[in-house]
Amino acid sequence: MTRTRRRWRDCDSGATALELALVMPVFITLVFGIFNYGWAIYCGNEVRNAVENASRLLIEDPDTSLDDLRTAVGARLNGASINDVTLSMATETVGTSTDVARISWTYAYTVDTPFIDQTVLRFDSSIVAPL
């Protein structure tokens, strides 16, 4: 055993326990914060990918309803909940005769980290699909 380890083991002052008690809350907050924000970004990307893939239904069948689109998005989600996703669809005319469908989505994720107030991260975008 090295001299430093022996000195640390034989220390009776309690300084090590005090340092651990001071540093551990900051460390736990940092670790859980990194995990939670990373998971939020993953879920936001998952929703974006699910909406992009489900929007291909409109290319195959222009009469696809918003409920069908929502069901297709929900089937492609693993980590995120479809209940946290807001979808809307509107038809637009581009140029003189080309119709497109604009699919807009919003996803809200609540980040809950120890010792820090809850934060809601919102992810949103829109996709244009030809009809």
Protein backbone atom coordinates (compact mmCIF):
# COMPACT_ATOMS: atom_id res chain seq x y z
CA MET A 1 0.00 0.00 0.00
CA THR A 2 1.39 3.37 -0.90
CA ARG A 3 2.12 6.03 1.64
CA THR A 4 -0.69 8.29 0.38
CA ARG A 5 -3.30 5.56 0.67
CA ARG A 6 -2.13 4.64 4.15
CA ARG A 7 -2.29 8.26 5.23
CA TRP A 8 -5.82 8.63 3.81
CA ARG A 9 -6.98 5.40 5.48
CA ASP A 10 -5.54 6.37 8.86
CA CYS A 11 -6.98 9.90 8.83
CA ASP A 12 -9.48 10.41 11.68
CA SER A 13 -10.30 14.07 11.20
CA GLY A 14 -13.46 13.56 9.14
CA ALA A 15 -12.29 15.94 6.44
CA THR A 16 -12.81 13.30 3.78
CA ALA A 17 -16.42 12.74 4.80
CA LEU A 18 -17.04 16.47 4.86
CA GLU A 19 -15.52 16.95 1.41
CA LEU A 20 -17.62 14.10 0.08
CA ALA A 21 -20.75 15.63 1.59
CA LEU A 22 -19.98 18.96 -0.08
CA VAL A 23 -19.02 17.60 -3.50
CA MET A 24 -21.53 14.77 -3.90
CA PRO A 25 -24.69 16.92 -4.46
CA VAL A 26 -22.90 18.89 -7.18
CA PHE A 27 -21.63 15.69 -8.78
CA ILE A 28 -25.07 14.01 -8.69
CA THR A 29 -26.70 17.11 -10.17
CA LEU A 30 -24.12 17.21 -12.94
CA VAL A 31 -24.45 13.52 -13.81
CA PHE A 32 -28.27 13.47 -13.75
CA GLY A 33 -28.42 16.78 -15.62
CA ILE A 34 -26.21 15.48 -18.41
CA PHE A 35 -28.30 12.31 -18.63
CA ASN A 36 -31.65 14.16 -18.61
CA TYR A 37 -30.66 16.75 -21.20
CA GLY A 38 -29.15 14.04 -23.38
CA TRP A 39 -32.34 11.99 -23.13
CA ALA A 40 -34.43 15.08 -23.99
CA ILE A 41 -32.37 15.69 -27.12
CA TYR A 42 -32.65 12.01 -28.06
CA CYS A 43 -36.44 12.07 -27.65
CA GLY A 44 -36.75 15.30 -29.65
CA ASN A 45 -34.74 13.74 -32.47
CA GLU A 46 -36.84 10.58 -32.27
CA VAL A 47 -40.04 12.60 -32.68
CA ARG A 48 -38.58 14.50 -35.64
CA ASN A 49 -37.55 11.25 -37.30
CA ALA A 50 -40.96 9.64 -36.64
CA VAL A 51 -42.81 12.62 -38.16
CA GLU A 52 -40.53 12.59 -41.22
CA ASN A 53 -41.09 8.88 -41.78
CA ALA A 54 -44.83 9.06 -41.15
CA SER A 55 -45.17 11.99 -43.56
CA ARG A 56 -44.36 9.57 -46.37
CA LEU A 57 -47.90 8.25 -45.93
CA LEU A 58 -49.11 11.49 -47.48
CA ILE A 59 -46.98 10.89 -50.55
CA GLU A 60 -48.47 7.42 -50.95
CA ASP A 61 -52.04 8.49 -50.16
CA PRO A 62 -52.89 12.21 -50.22
CA ASP A 63 -56.18 11.49 -48.41
CA THR A 64 -54.36 10.41 -45.23
CA SER A 65 -56.02 12.00 -42.19
CA LEU A 66 -54.32 13.67 -39.27
CA ASP A 67 -55.42 10.79 -37.00
CA ASP A 68 -53.78 8.26 -39.33
CA LEU A 69 -50.63 10.36 -39.34
CA ARG A 70 -50.68 10.60 -35.53
CA THR A 71 -51.07 6.82 -35.25
CA ALA A 72 -48.13 6.29 -37.62
CA VAL A 73 -45.96 8.70 -35.62
CA GLY A 74 -46.88 6.99 -32.34
CA ALA A 75 -45.98 3.57 -33.79
CA ARG A 76 -42.46 4.83 -34.55
CA LEU A 77 -41.76 6.24 -31.06
CA ASN A 78 -39.86 4.25 -28.43
CA GLY A 79 -38.59 6.72 -25.83
CA ALA A 80 -40.95 9.64 -26.34
CA SER A 81 -44.68 9.57 -25.65
CA ILE A 82 -47.16 10.42 -28.40
CA ASN A 83 -49.20 12.25 -25.72
CA ASP A 84 -46.45 14.89 -25.56
CA VAL A 85 -46.49 15.45 -29.33
CA THR A 86 -48.80 18.01 -30.95
CA LEU A 87 -49.36 17.52 -34.68
CA SER A 88 -51.15 19.74 -37.16
CA MET A 89 -51.56 19.52 -40.90
CA ALA A 90 -52.49 22.21 -43.42
CA THR A 91 -52.71 22.20 -47.20
CA GLU A 92 -50.84 24.92 -49.08
CA THR A 93 -50.52 25.82 -52.73
CA VAL A 94 -47.04 26.40 -54.06
CA GLY A 95 -46.74 28.21 -57.37
CA THR A 96 -49.80 28.01 -59.57
CA SER A 97 -51.05 24.47 -59.17
CA THR A 98 -48.88 22.38 -56.85
CA ASP A 99 -50.50 21.43 -53.55
CA VAL A 100 -48.40 20.43 -50.56
CA ALA A 101 -49.21 19.42 -47.01
CA ARG A 102 -47.36 21.19 -44.20
CA ILE A 103 -47.08 18.97 -41.15
CA SER A 104 -46.14 20.93 -38.03
CA TRP A 105 -45.18 19.28 -34.78
CA THR A 106 -44.26 20.32 -31.26
CA TYR A 107 -42.77 18.11 -28.56
CA ALA A 108 -42.39 19.18 -24.93
CA TYR A 109 -40.01 17.34 -22.59
CA THR A 110 -39.82 18.15 -18.88
CA VAL A 111 -36.27 17.90 -17.52
CA ASP A 112 -36.31 16.97 -13.84
CA THR A 113 -32.83 17.19 -12.30
CA PRO A 114 -32.14 16.89 -8.55
CA PHE A 115 -31.63 20.23 -6.74
CA ILE A 116 -32.71 22.24 -9.83
CA ASP A 117 -36.17 23.48 -10.81
CA GLN A 118 -37.97 21.61 -13.58
CA THR A 119 -37.29 22.88 -17.08
CA VAL A 120 -39.48 22.29 -20.12
CA LEU A 121 -37.63 21.90 -23.40
CA ARG A 122 -39.71 22.42 -26.54
CA PHE A 123 -38.79 20.94 -29.88
CA ASP A 124 -40.76 21.90 -32.96
CA SER A 125 -40.52 22.01 -36.71
CA SER A 126 -42.56 21.51 -39.86
CA ILE A 127 -42.26 19.28 -42.90
CA VAL A 128 -43.64 19.84 -46.37
CA ALA A 129 -44.91 16.79 -48.25
CA PRO A 130 -46.11 16.92 -51.85
CA LEU A 131 -49.67 15.80 -52.49
